[in-house]
Every structure is written in C-alpha cells, then in structure tokens.
Amino acid sequence: DTAHWCTVIDDLLDDDYRYRQLSEIARRESCLPEFSLQSVLAQFWRIV
C-alpha cells in the first residue's frame, strides 16, 4: 500500500550512506554489457 511506499522513500532519502551506496551501484550496473546497444540489437535480431 501507499504507506509502505512512503516508508521506503523516507527511509532511503533519510539514510545518506544507503542512498550513496545505491546510487553508485545503479550507475555501475547501468553500464553492464547486457544493456549496451550492441547487446540489445543482437537480442532483437535473435528474436526476429
């Protein structure tokens, strides 16, 4: 429910260490090879 979402949001925004940790992990994982243009196109053509 909404209350749970609110708790999760407040907990994350009020915890600087956890926030910085998730931010760094997010940035690093966005560069994973499976999300590259080449990988996405290769998967698309396999499906086609």
ModelCIF file with pLDDT and N, C-alpha, C, O atoms, coordinates in Angstrom:
data_MODEL
#
_entry.id   MODEL 
#
_entity.id                         1 
_entity.type                       polymer 
_entity.pdbx_number_of_molecules   1 
#
_entity_poly.entity_id                      1 
_entity_poly.type                           'polypeptide(L)' 
_entity_poly.nstd_linkage                   no 
_entity_poly.nstd_monomer                   no 
_entity_poly.pdbx_seq_one_letter_code       DTAHWCTVIDDLLDDDYRYRQLSEIARRESCLPEFSLQSVLAQFWRIV 
_entity_poly.pdbx_seq_one_letter_code_can   DTAHWCTVIDDLLDDDYRYRQLSEIARRESCLPEFSLQSVLAQFWRIV 
_entity_poly.pdbx_strand_id                 A 
#
loop_
_entity_poly_seq.entity_id 
_entity_poly_seq.num 
_entity_poly_seq.mon_id 
_entity_poly_seq.hetero 
1 1  ASP n 
1 2  THR n 
1 3  ALA n 
1 4  HIS n 
1 5  TRP n 
1 6  CYS n 
1 7  THR n 
1 8  VAL n 
1 9  ILE n 
1 10 ASP n 
1 11 ASP n 
1 12 LEU n 
1 13 LEU n 
1 14 ASP n 
1 15 ASP n 
1 16 ASP n 
1 17 TYR n 
1 18 ARG n 
1 19 TYR n 
1 20 ARG n 
1 21 GLN n 
1 22 LEU n 
1 23 SER n 
1 24 GLU n 
1 25 ILE n 
1 26 ALA n 
1 27 ARG n 
1 28 ARG n 
1 29 GLU n 
1 30 SER n 
1 31 CYS n 
1 32 LEU n 
1 33 PRO n 
1 34 GLU n 
1 35 PHE n 
1 36 SER n 
1 37 LEU n 
1 38 GLN n 
1 39 SER n 
1 40 VAL n 
1 41 LEU n 
1 42 ALA n 
1 43 GLN n 
1 44 PHE n 
1 45 TRP n 
1 46 ARG n 
1 47 ILE n 
1 48 VAL n 
#
_struct_asym.id          A 
_struct_asym.entity_id   1 
#
loop_
_ma_qa_metric.id 
_ma_qa_metric.mode 
_ma_qa_metric.name 
_ma_qa_metric.software_group_id 
_ma_qa_metric.type 
1 global pLDDT . pLDDT 
2 local  pLDDT . pLDDT 
#
_ma_qa_metric_global.metric_id      1 
_ma_qa_metric_global.metric_value   87.96 
_ma_qa_metric_global.model_id       1 
_ma_qa_metric_global.ordinal_id     1 
#
loop_
_ma_qa_metric_local.label_asym_id 
_ma_qa_metric_local.label_comp_id 
_ma_qa_metric_local.label_seq_id 
_ma_qa_metric_local.metric_id 
_ma_qa_metric_local.metric_value 
_ma_qa_metric_local.model_id 
_ma_qa_metric_local.ordinal_id 
A ASP 1  2 97.00 1 1  
A THR 2  2 98.00 1 2  
A ALA 3  2 98.00 1 3  
A HIS 4  2 98.00 1 4  
A TRP 5  2 98.00 1 5  
A CYS 6  2 98.00 1 6  
A THR 7  2 98.00 1 7  
A VAL 8  2 98.00 1 8  
A ILE 9  2 98.00 1 9  
A ASP 10 2 98.00 1 10 
A ASP 11 2 98.00 1 11 
A LEU 12 2 98.00 1 12 
A LEU 13 2 98.00 1 13 
A ASP 14 2 98.00 1 14 
A ASP 15 2 98.00 1 15 
A ASP 16 2 97.00 1 16 
A TYR 17 2 98.00 1 17 
A ARG 18 2 98.00 1 18 
A TYR 19 2 98.00 1 19 
A ARG 20 2 98.00 1 20 
A GLN 21 2 98.00 1 21 
A LEU 22 2 98.00 1 22 
A SER 23 2 97.00 1 23 
A GLU 24 2 96.00 1 24 
A ILE 25 2 96.00 1 25 
A ALA 26 2 94.00 1 26 
A ARG 27 2 91.00 1 27 
A ARG 28 2 91.00 1 28 
A GLU 29 2 89.00 1 29 
A SER 30 2 82.00 1 30 
A CYS 31 2 77.00 1 31 
A LEU 32 2 67.00 1 32 
A PRO 33 2 66.00 1 33 
A GLU 34 2 69.00 1 34 
A PHE 35 2 64.00 1 35 
A SER 36 2 64.00 1 36 
A LEU 37 2 70.00 1 37 
A GLN 38 2 78.00 1 38 
A SER 39 2 75.00 1 39 
A VAL 40 2 71.00 1 40 
A LEU 41 2 76.00 1 41 
A ALA 42 2 80.00 1 42 
A GLN 43 2 75.00 1 43 
A PHE 44 2 76.00 1 44 
A TRP 45 2 84.00 1 45 
A ARG 46 2 82.00 1 46 
A ILE 47 2 79.00 1 47 
A VAL 48 2 79.00 1 48 
#
loop_
_atom_site.group_PDB 
_atom_site.id 
_atom_site.type_symbol 
_atom_site.label_atom_id 
_atom_site.label_alt_id 
_atom_site.label_comp_id 
_atom_site.label_asym_id 
_atom_site.label_entity_id 
_atom_site.label_seq_id 
_atom_site.pdbx_PDB_ins_code 
_atom_site.Cartn_x 
_atom_site.Cartn_y 
_atom_site.Cartn_z 
_atom_site.occupancy 
_atom_site.B_iso_or_equiv 
_atom_site.pdbx_formal_charge 
_atom_site.auth_seq_id 
_atom_site.auth_comp_id 
_atom_site.auth_asym_id 
_atom_site.auth_atom_id 
_atom_site.pdbx_PDB_model_num 
ATOM 1   N N  . ASP A 1 1  ? 0.822  -1.210  0.000   1.00 97.00 ? 1  ASP A N  1 
ATOM 2   C CA . ASP A 1 1  ? 0.000  0.000   0.000   1.00 97.00 ? 1  ASP A CA 1 
ATOM 3   C C  . ASP A 1 1  ? 0.860  1.264   0.000   1.00 97.00 ? 1  ASP A C  1 
ATOM 4   O O  . ASP A 1 1  ? 2.088  1.205   0.047   1.00 97.00 ? 1  ASP A O  1 
ATOM 5   N N  . THR A 1 2  ? 0.179  2.402   -0.053  1.00 98.00 ? 2  THR A N  1 
ATOM 6   C CA . THR A 1 2  ? 0.841  3.706   -0.085  1.00 98.00 ? 2  THR A CA 1 
ATOM 7   C C  . THR A 1 2  ? 1.759  3.907   1.118   1.00 98.00 ? 2  THR A C  1 
ATOM 8   O O  . THR A 1 2  ? 2.864  4.431   0.976   1.00 98.00 ? 2  THR A O  1 
ATOM 9   N N  . ALA A 1 3  ? 1.314  3.499   2.281   1.00 98.00 ? 3  ALA A N  1 
ATOM 10  C CA . ALA A 1 3  ? 2.125  3.683   3.492   1.00 98.00 ? 3  ALA A CA 1 
ATOM 11  C C  . ALA A 1 3  ? 3.478  2.986   3.354   1.00 98.00 ? 3  ALA A C  1 
ATOM 12  O O  . ALA A 1 3  ? 4.497  3.519   3.794   1.00 98.00 ? 3  ALA A O  1 
ATOM 13  N N  . HIS A 1 4  ? 3.493  1.820   2.757   1.00 98.00 ? 4  HIS A N  1 
ATOM 14  C CA . HIS A 1 4  ? 4.751  1.103   2.567   1.00 98.00 ? 4  HIS A CA 1 
ATOM 15  C C  . HIS A 1 4  ? 5.665  1.874   1.617   1.00 98.00 ? 4  HIS A C  1 
ATOM 16  O O  . HIS A 1 4  ? 6.853  2.039   1.895   1.00 98.00 ? 4  HIS A O  1 
ATOM 17  N N  . TRP A 1 5  ? 5.114  2.349   0.493   1.00 98.00 ? 5  TRP A N  1 
ATOM 18  C CA . TRP A 1 5  ? 5.901  3.147   -0.448  1.00 98.00 ? 5  TRP A CA 1 
ATOM 19  C C  . TRP A 1 5  ? 6.511  4.355   0.273   1.00 98.00 ? 5  TRP A C  1 
ATOM 20  O O  . TRP A 1 5  ? 7.693  4.655   0.105   1.00 98.00 ? 5  TRP A O  1 
ATOM 21  N N  . CYS A 1 6  ? 5.704  5.032   1.067   1.00 98.00 ? 6  CYS A N  1 
ATOM 22  C CA . CYS A 1 6  ? 6.170  6.230   1.780   1.00 98.00 ? 6  CYS A CA 1 
ATOM 23  C C  . CYS A 1 6  ? 7.303  5.894   2.742   1.00 98.00 ? 6  CYS A C  1 
ATOM 24  O O  . CYS A 1 6  ? 8.282  6.634   2.832   1.00 98.00 ? 6  CYS A O  1 
ATOM 25  N N  . THR A 1 7  ? 7.176  4.796   3.450   1.00 98.00 ? 7  THR A N  1 
ATOM 26  C CA . THR A 1 7  ? 8.224  4.380   4.384   1.00 98.00 ? 7  THR A CA 1 
ATOM 27  C C  . THR A 1 7  ? 9.521  4.104   3.637   1.00 98.00 ? 7  THR A C  1 
ATOM 28  O O  . THR A 1 7  ? 10.592 4.529   4.071   1.00 98.00 ? 7  THR A O  1 
ATOM 29  N N  . VAL A 1 8  ? 9.430  3.398   2.521   1.00 98.00 ? 8  VAL A N  1 
ATOM 30  C CA . VAL A 1 8  ? 10.622 3.069   1.734   1.00 98.00 ? 8  VAL A CA 1 
ATOM 31  C C  . VAL A 1 8  ? 11.281 4.350   1.216   1.00 98.00 ? 8  VAL A C  1 
ATOM 32  O O  . VAL A 1 8  ? 12.504 4.479   1.270   1.00 98.00 ? 8  VAL A O  1 
ATOM 33  N N  . ILE A 1 9  ? 10.494 5.283   0.723   1.00 98.00 ? 9  ILE A N  1 
ATOM 34  C CA . ILE A 1 9  ? 11.024 6.553   0.203   1.00 98.00 ? 9  ILE A CA 1 
ATOM 35  C C  . ILE A 1 9  ? 11.721 7.324   1.317   1.00 98.00 ? 9  ILE A C  1 
ATOM 36  O O  . ILE A 1 9  ? 12.872 7.733   1.165   1.00 98.00 ? 9  ILE A O  1 
ATOM 37  N N  . ASP A 1 10 ? 11.026 7.525   2.438   1.00 98.00 ? 10 ASP A N  1 
ATOM 38  C CA . ASP A 1 10 ? 11.625 8.269   3.555   1.00 98.00 ? 10 ASP A CA 1 
ATOM 39  C C  . ASP A 1 10 ? 12.884 7.581   4.078   1.00 98.00 ? 10 ASP A C  1 
ATOM 40  O O  . ASP A 1 10 ? 13.888 8.240   4.344   1.00 98.00 ? 10 ASP A O  1 
ATOM 41  N N  . ASP A 1 11 ? 12.831 6.260   4.225   1.00 98.00 ? 11 ASP A N  1 
ATOM 42  C CA . ASP A 1 11 ? 13.998 5.538   4.733   1.00 98.00 ? 11 ASP A CA 1 
ATOM 43  C C  . ASP A 1 11 ? 15.208 5.736   3.820   1.00 98.00 ? 11 ASP A C  1 
ATOM 44  O O  . ASP A 1 11 ? 16.322 5.941   4.302   1.00 98.00 ? 11 ASP A O  1 
ATOM 45  N N  . LEU A 1 12 ? 14.996 5.676   2.516   1.00 98.00 ? 12 LEU A N  1 
ATOM 46  C CA . LEU A 1 12 ? 16.111 5.845   1.589   1.00 98.00 ? 12 LEU A CA 1 
ATOM 47  C C  . LEU A 1 12 ? 16.633 7.281   1.605   1.00 98.00 ? 12 LEU A C  1 
ATOM 48  O O  . LEU A 1 12 ? 17.841 7.504   1.680   1.00 98.00 ? 12 LEU A O  1 
ATOM 49  N N  . LEU A 1 13 ? 15.738 8.238   1.536   1.00 98.00 ? 13 LEU A N  1 
ATOM 50  C CA . LEU A 1 13 ? 16.170 9.634   1.471   1.00 98.00 ? 13 LEU A CA 1 
ATOM 51  C C  . LEU A 1 13 ? 16.755 10.139  2.791   1.00 98.00 ? 13 LEU A C  1 
ATOM 52  O O  . LEU A 1 13 ? 17.497 11.121  2.803   1.00 98.00 ? 13 LEU A O  1 
ATOM 53  N N  . ASP A 1 14 ? 16.430 9.478   3.890   1.00 98.00 ? 14 ASP A N  1 
ATOM 54  C CA . ASP A 1 14 ? 16.955 9.887   5.192   1.00 98.00 ? 14 ASP A CA 1 
ATOM 55  C C  . ASP A 1 14 ? 18.239 9.143   5.586   1.00 98.00 ? 14 ASP A C  1 
ATOM 56  O O  . ASP A 1 14 ? 18.814 9.412   6.641   1.00 98.00 ? 14 ASP A O  1 
ATOM 57  N N  . ASP A 1 15 ? 18.679 8.218   4.745   1.00 98.00 ? 15 ASP A N  1 
ATOM 58  C CA . ASP A 1 15 ? 19.878 7.435   5.035   1.00 98.00 ? 15 ASP A CA 1 
ATOM 59  C C  . ASP A 1 15 ? 20.935 7.745   3.966   1.00 98.00 ? 15 ASP A C  1 
ATOM 60  O O  . ASP A 1 15 ? 20.982 7.099   2.919   1.00 98.00 ? 15 ASP A O  1 
ATOM 61  N N  . ASP A 1 16 ? 21.783 8.746   4.248   1.00 97.00 ? 16 ASP A N  1 
ATOM 62  C CA . ASP A 1 16 ? 22.780 9.190   3.265   1.00 97.00 ? 16 ASP A CA 1 
ATOM 63  C C  . ASP A 1 16 ? 23.696 8.067   2.796   1.00 97.00 ? 16 ASP A C  1 
ATOM 64  O O  . ASP A 1 16 ? 23.997 7.969   1.606   1.00 97.00 ? 16 ASP A O  1 
ATOM 65  N N  . TYR A 1 17 ? 24.141 7.221   3.718   1.00 98.00 ? 17 TYR A N  1 
ATOM 66  C CA . TYR A 1 17 ? 25.047 6.137   3.344   1.00 98.00 ? 17 TYR A CA 1 
ATOM 67  C C  . TYR A 1 17 ? 24.376 5.173   2.366   1.00 98.00 ? 17 TYR A C  1 
ATOM 68  O O  . TYR A 1 17 ? 24.941 4.844   1.322   1.00 98.00 ? 17 TYR A O  1 
ATOM 69  N N  . ARG A 1 18 ? 23.189 4.731   2.705   1.00 98.00 ? 18 ARG A N  1 
ATOM 70  C CA . ARG A 1 18 ? 22.468 3.784   1.833   1.00 98.00 ? 18 ARG A CA 1 
ATOM 71  C C  . ARG A 1 18 ? 22.156 4.431   0.496   1.00 98.00 ? 18 ARG A C  1 
ATOM 72  O O  . ARG A 1 18 ? 22.266 3.794   -0.552  1.00 98.00 ? 18 ARG A O  1 
ATOM 73  N N  . TYR A 1 19 ? 21.768 5.690   0.532   1.00 98.00 ? 19 TYR A N  1 
ATOM 74  C CA . TYR A 1 19 ? 21.467 6.396   -0.717  1.00 98.00 ? 19 TYR A CA 1 
ATOM 75  C C  . TYR A 1 19 ? 22.704 6.422   -1.624  1.00 98.00 ? 19 TYR A C  1 
ATOM 76  O O  . TYR A 1 19 ? 22.614 6.073   -2.801  1.00 98.00 ? 19 TYR A O  1 
ATOM 77  N N  . ARG A 1 20 ? 23.848 6.832   -1.085  1.00 98.00 ? 20 ARG A N  1 
ATOM 78  C CA . ARG A 1 20 ? 25.079 6.898   -1.894  1.00 98.00 ? 20 ARG A CA 1 
ATOM 79  C C  . ARG A 1 20 ? 25.463 5.519   -2.414  1.00 98.00 ? 20 ARG A C  1 
ATOM 80  O O  . ARG A 1 20 ? 25.924 5.380   -3.547  1.00 98.00 ? 20 ARG A O  1 
ATOM 81  N N  . GLN A 1 21 ? 25.271 4.511   -1.588  1.00 98.00 ? 21 GLN A N  1 
ATOM 82  C CA . GLN A 1 21 ? 25.588 3.143   -1.990  1.00 98.00 ? 21 GLN A CA 1 
ATOM 83  C C  . GLN A 1 21 ? 24.714 2.706   -3.174  1.00 98.00 ? 21 GLN A C  1 
ATOM 84  O O  . GLN A 1 21 ? 25.229 2.186   -4.164  1.00 98.00 ? 21 GLN A O  1 
ATOM 85  N N  . LEU A 1 22 ? 23.405 2.914   -3.075  1.00 98.00 ? 22 LEU A N  1 
ATOM 86  C CA . LEU A 1 22 ? 22.503 2.538   -4.173  1.00 98.00 ? 22 LEU A CA 1 
ATOM 87  C C  . LEU A 1 22 ? 22.779 3.352   -5.431  1.00 98.00 ? 22 LEU A C  1 
ATOM 88  O O  . LEU A 1 22 ? 22.713 2.832   -6.545  1.00 98.00 ? 22 LEU A O  1 
ATOM 89  N N  . SER A 1 23 ? 23.088 4.623   -5.245  1.00 97.00 ? 23 SER A N  1 
ATOM 90  C CA . SER A 1 23 ? 23.396 5.490   -6.384  1.00 97.00 ? 23 SER A CA 1 
ATOM 91  C C  . SER A 1 23 ? 24.602 4.963   -7.155  1.00 97.00 ? 23 SER A C  1 
ATOM 92  O O  . SER A 1 23 ? 24.579 4.901   -8.385  1.00 97.00 ? 23 SER A O  1 
ATOM 93  N N  . GLU A 1 24 ? 25.643 4.589   -6.441  1.00 96.00 ? 24 GLU A N  1 
ATOM 94  C CA . GLU A 1 24 ? 26.859 4.069   -7.092  1.00 96.00 ? 24 GLU A CA 1 
ATOM 95  C C  . GLU A 1 24 ? 26.595 2.728   -7.770  1.00 96.00 ? 24 GLU A C  1 
ATOM 96  O O  . GLU A 1 24 ? 27.044 2.497   -8.892  1.00 96.00 ? 24 GLU A O  1 
ATOM 97  N N  . ILE A 1 25 ? 25.876 1.856   -7.100  1.00 96.00 ? 25 ILE A N  1 
ATOM 98  C CA . ILE A 1 25 ? 25.541 0.552   -7.699  1.00 96.00 ? 25 ILE A CA 1 
ATOM 99  C C  . ILE A 1 25 ? 24.701 0.766   -8.953  1.00 96.00 ? 25 ILE A C  1 
ATOM 100 O O  . ILE A 1 25 ? 24.938 0.119   -9.973  1.00 96.00 ? 25 ILE A O  1 
ATOM 101 N N  . ALA A 1 26 ? 23.723 1.668   -8.888  1.00 94.00 ? 26 ALA A N  1 
ATOM 102 C CA . ALA A 1 26 ? 22.864 1.941   -10.043 1.00 94.00 ? 26 ALA A CA 1 
ATOM 103 C C  . ALA A 1 26 ? 23.701 2.404   -11.225 1.00 94.00 ? 26 ALA A C  1 
ATOM 104 O O  . ALA A 1 26 ? 23.549 1.895   -12.336 1.00 94.00 ? 26 ALA A O  1 
ATOM 105 N N  . ARG A 1 27 ? 24.576 3.359   -10.991 1.00 91.00 ? 27 ARG A N  1 
ATOM 106 C CA . ARG A 1 27 ? 25.425 3.893   -12.059 1.00 91.00 ? 27 ARG A CA 1 
ATOM 107 C C  . ARG A 1 27 ? 26.288 2.778   -12.667 1.00 91.00 ? 27 ARG A C  1 
ATOM 108 O O  . ARG A 1 27 ? 26.409 2.672   -13.888 1.00 91.00 ? 27 ARG A O  1 
ATOM 109 N N  . ARG A 1 28 ? 26.877 1.963   -11.811 1.00 91.00 ? 28 ARG A N  1 
ATOM 110 C CA . ARG A 1 28 ? 27.756 0.884   -12.277 1.00 91.00 ? 28 ARG A CA 1 
ATOM 111 C C  . ARG A 1 28 ? 26.971 -0.162  -13.069 1.00 91.00 ? 28 ARG A C  1 
ATOM 112 O O  . ARG A 1 28 ? 27.413 -0.597  -14.132 1.00 91.00 ? 28 ARG A O  1 
ATOM 113 N N  . GLU A 1 29 ? 25.805 -0.566  -12.552 1.00 89.00 ? 29 GLU A N  1 
ATOM 114 C CA . GLU A 1 29 ? 25.031 -1.613  -13.226 1.00 89.00 ? 29 GLU A CA 1 
ATOM 115 C C  . GLU A 1 29 ? 24.395 -1.139  -14.529 1.00 89.00 ? 29 GLU A C  1 
ATOM 116 O O  . GLU A 1 29 ? 24.105 -1.956  -15.404 1.00 89.00 ? 29 GLU A O  1 
ATOM 117 N N  . SER A 1 30 ? 24.175 0.157   -14.672 1.00 82.00 ? 30 SER A N  1 
ATOM 118 C CA . SER A 1 30 ? 23.605 0.655   -15.932 1.00 82.00 ? 30 SER A CA 1 
ATOM 119 C C  . SER A 1 30 ? 24.570 0.469   -17.093 1.00 82.00 ? 30 SER A C  1 
ATOM 120 O O  . SER A 1 30 ? 24.169 0.529   -18.256 1.00 82.00 ? 30 SER A O  1 
ATOM 121 N N  . CYS A 1 31 ? 25.837 0.244   -16.781 1.00 77.00 ? 31 CYS A N  1 
ATOM 122 C CA . CYS A 1 31 ? 26.871 0.058   -17.808 1.00 77.00 ? 31 CYS A CA 1 
ATOM 123 C C  . CYS A 1 31 ? 27.148 -1.419  -18.089 1.00 77.00 ? 31 CYS A C  1 
ATOM 124 O O  . CYS A 1 31 ? 28.077 -1.736  -18.832 1.00 77.00 ? 31 CYS A O  1 
ATOM 125 N N  . LEU A 1 32 ? 26.374 -2.311  -17.518 1.00 67.00 ? 32 LEU A N  1 
ATOM 126 C CA . LEU A 1 32 ? 26.590 -3.732  -17.756 1.00 67.00 ? 32 LEU A CA 1 
ATOM 127 C C  . LEU A 1 32 ? 26.453 -4.049  -19.243 1.00 67.00 ? 32 LEU A C  1 
ATOM 128 O O  . LEU A 1 32 ? 25.644 -3.428  -19.932 1.00 67.00 ? 32 LEU A O  1 
ATOM 129 N N  . PRO A 1 33 ? 27.222 -4.995  -19.742 1.00 66.00 ? 33 PRO A N  1 
ATOM 130 C CA . PRO A 1 33 ? 27.198 -5.307  -21.171 1.00 66.00 ? 33 PRO A CA 1 
ATOM 131 C C  . PRO A 1 33 ? 25.810 -5.666  -21.717 1.00 66.00 ? 33 PRO A C  1 
ATOM 132 O O  . PRO A 1 33 ? 25.504 -5.355  -22.869 1.00 66.00 ? 33 PRO A O  1 
ATOM 133 N N  . GLU A 1 34 ? 24.976 -6.309  -20.912 1.00 69.00 ? 34 GLU A N  1 
ATOM 134 C CA . GLU A 1 34 ? 23.657 -6.716  -21.417 1.00 69.00 ? 34 GLU A CA 1 
ATOM 135 C C  . GLU A 1 34 ? 22.741 -5.536  -21.733 1.00 69.00 ? 34 GLU A C  1 
ATOM 136 O O  . GLU A 1 34 ? 21.721 -5.712  -22.401 1.00 69.00 ? 34 GLU A O  1 
ATOM 137 N N  . PHE A 1 35 ? 23.091 -4.328  -21.259 1.00 64.00 ? 35 PHE A N  1 
ATOM 138 C CA . PHE A 1 35 ? 22.288 -3.156  -21.558 1.00 64.00 ? 35 PHE A CA 1 
ATOM 139 C C  . PHE A 1 35 ? 22.891 -2.292  -22.673 1.00 64.00 ? 35 PHE A C  1 
ATOM 140 O O  . PHE A 1 35 ? 22.364 -1.224  -22.985 1.00 64.00 ? 35 PHE A O  1 
ATOM 141 N N  . SER A 1 36 ? 23.992 -2.752  -23.270 1.00 64.00 ? 36 SER A N  1 
ATOM 142 C CA . SER A 1 36 ? 24.612 -1.978  -24.346 1.00 64.00 ? 36 SER A CA 1 
ATOM 143 C C  . SER A 1 36 ? 23.762 -2.054  -25.608 1.00 64.00 ? 36 SER A C  1 
ATOM 144 O O  . SER A 1 36 ? 22.985 -2.993  -25.784 1.00 64.00 ? 36 SER A O  1 
ATOM 145 N N  . LEU A 1 37 ? 23.909 -1.083  -26.467 1.00 70.00 ? 37 LEU A N  1 
ATOM 146 C CA . LEU A 1 37 ? 23.171 -1.060  -27.733 1.00 70.00 ? 37 LEU A CA 1 
ATOM 147 C C  . LEU A 1 37 ? 23.462 -2.318  -28.545 1.00 70.00 ? 37 LEU A C  1 
ATOM 148 O O  . LEU A 1 37 ? 22.549 -2.899  -29.131 1.00 70.00 ? 37 LEU A O  1 
ATOM 149 N N  . GLN A 1 38 ? 24.700 -2.736  -28.584 1.00 78.00 ? 38 GLN A N  1 
ATOM 150 C CA . GLN A 1 38 ? 25.076 -3.922  -29.352 1.00 78.00 ? 38 GLN A CA 1 
ATOM 151 C C  . GLN A 1 38 ? 24.365 -5.165  -28.823 1.00 78.00 ? 38 GLN A C  1 
ATOM 152 O O  . GLN A 1 38 ? 23.871 -5.981  -29.600 1.00 78.00 ? 38 GLN A O  1 
ATOM 153 N N  . SER A 1 39 ? 24.316 -5.304  -27.515 1.00 75.00 ? 39 SER A N  1 
ATOM 154 C CA . SER A 1 39 ? 23.668 -6.458  -26.915 1.00 75.00 ? 39 SER A CA 1 
ATOM 155 C C  . SER A 1 39 ? 22.163 -6.452  -27.174 1.00 75.00 ? 39 SER A C  1 
ATOM 156 O O  . SER A 1 39 ? 21.580 -7.485  -27.502 1.00 75.00 ? 39 SER A O  1 
ATOM 157 N N  . VAL A 1 40 ? 21.541 -5.287  -27.025 1.00 71.00 ? 40 VAL A N  1 
ATOM 158 C CA . VAL A 1 40 ? 20.092 -5.185  -27.254 1.00 71.00 ? 40 VAL A CA 1 
ATOM 159 C C  . VAL A 1 40 ? 19.762 -5.494  -28.710 1.00 71.00 ? 40 VAL A C  1 
ATOM 160 O O  . VAL A 1 40 ? 18.797 -6.207  -28.987 1.00 71.00 ? 40 VAL A O  1 
ATOM 161 N N  . LEU A 1 41 ? 20.555 -4.963  -29.645 1.00 76.00 ? 41 LEU A N  1 
ATOM 162 C CA . LEU A 1 41 ? 20.315 -5.245  -31.069 1.00 76.00 ? 41 LEU A CA 1 
ATOM 163 C C  . LEU A 1 41 ? 20.533 -6.717  -31.393 1.00 76.00 ? 41 LEU A C  1 
ATOM 164 O O  . LEU A 1 41 ? 19.769 -7.306  -32.158 1.00 76.00 ? 41 LEU A O  1 
ATOM 165 N N  . ALA A 1 42 ? 21.563 -7.308  -30.819 1.00 80.00 ? 42 ALA A N  1 
ATOM 166 C CA . ALA A 1 42 ? 21.815 -8.730  -31.055 1.00 80.00 ? 42 ALA A CA 1 
ATOM 167 C C  . ALA A 1 42 ? 20.644 -9.569  -30.561 1.00 80.00 ? 42 ALA A C  1 
ATOM 168 O O  . ALA A 1 42 ? 20.219 -10.503 -31.241 1.00 80.00 ? 42 ALA A O  1 
ATOM 169 N N  . GLN A 1 43 ? 20.119 -9.245  -29.383 1.00 75.00 ? 43 GLN A N  1 
ATOM 170 C CA . GLN A 1 43 ? 18.961 -9.967  -28.844 1.00 75.00 ? 43 GLN A CA 1 
ATOM 171 C C  . GLN A 1 43 ? 17.741 -9.763  -29.730 1.00 75.00 ? 43 GLN A C  1 
ATOM 172 O O  . GLN A 1 43 ? 16.991 -10.705 -29.985 1.00 75.00 ? 43 GLN A O  1 
ATOM 173 N N  . PHE A 1 44 ? 17.540 -8.539  -30.199 1.00 76.00 ? 44 PHE A N  1 
ATOM 174 C CA . PHE A 1 44 ? 16.415 -8.244  -31.095 1.00 76.00 ? 44 PHE A CA 1 
ATOM 175 C C  . PHE A 1 44 ? 16.486 -9.127  -32.341 1.00 76.00 ? 44 PHE A C  1 
ATOM 176 O O  . PHE A 1 44 ? 15.489 -9.740  -32.725 1.00 76.00 ? 44 PHE A O  1 
ATOM 177 N N  . TRP A 1 45 ? 17.651 -9.194  -32.968 1.00 84.00 ? 45 TRP A N  1 
ATOM 178 C CA . TRP A 1 45 ? 17.790 -9.975  -34.197 1.00 84.00 ? 45 TRP A CA 1 
ATOM 179 C C  . TRP A 1 45 ? 17.650 -11.473 -33.926 1.00 84.00 ? 45 TRP A C  1 
ATOM 180 O O  . TRP A 1 45 ? 17.154 -12.203 -34.784 1.00 84.00 ? 45 TRP A O  1 
ATOM 181 N N  . ARG A 1 46 ? 18.070 -11.942 -32.764 1.00 82.00 ? 46 ARG A N  1 
ATOM 182 C CA . ARG A 1 46 ? 17.844 -13.356 -32.415 1.00 82.00 ? 46 ARG A CA 1 
ATOM 183 C C  . ARG A 1 46 ? 16.353 -13.643 -32.345 1.00 82.00 ? 46 ARG A C  1 
ATOM 184 O O  . ARG A 1 46 ? 15.890 -14.685 -32.808 1.00 82.00 ? 46 ARG A O  1 
ATOM 185 N N  . ILE A 1 47 ? 15.612 -12.722 -31.769 1.00 79.00 ? 47 ILE A N  1 
ATOM 186 C CA . ILE A 1 47 ? 14.156 -12.906 -31.667 1.00 79.00 ? 47 ILE A CA 1 
ATOM 187 C C  . ILE A 1 47 ? 13.519 -12.860 -33.047 1.00 79.00 ? 47 ILE A C  1 
ATOM 188 O O  . ILE A 1 47 ? 12.658 -13.683 -33.357 1.00 79.00 ? 47 ILE A O  1 
ATOM 189 N N  . VAL A 1 48 ? 13.930 -11.915 -33.874 1.00 79.00 ? 48 VAL A N  1 
ATOM 190 C CA . VAL A 1 48 ? 13.388 -11.805 -35.233 1.00 79.00 ? 48 VAL A CA 1 
ATOM 191 C C  . VAL A 1 48 ? 13.670 -13.082 -36.022 1.00 79.00 ? 48 VAL A C  1 
ATOM 192 O O  . VAL A 1 48 ? 13.291 -13.182 -37.189 1.00 79.00 ? 48 VAL A O  1 
#
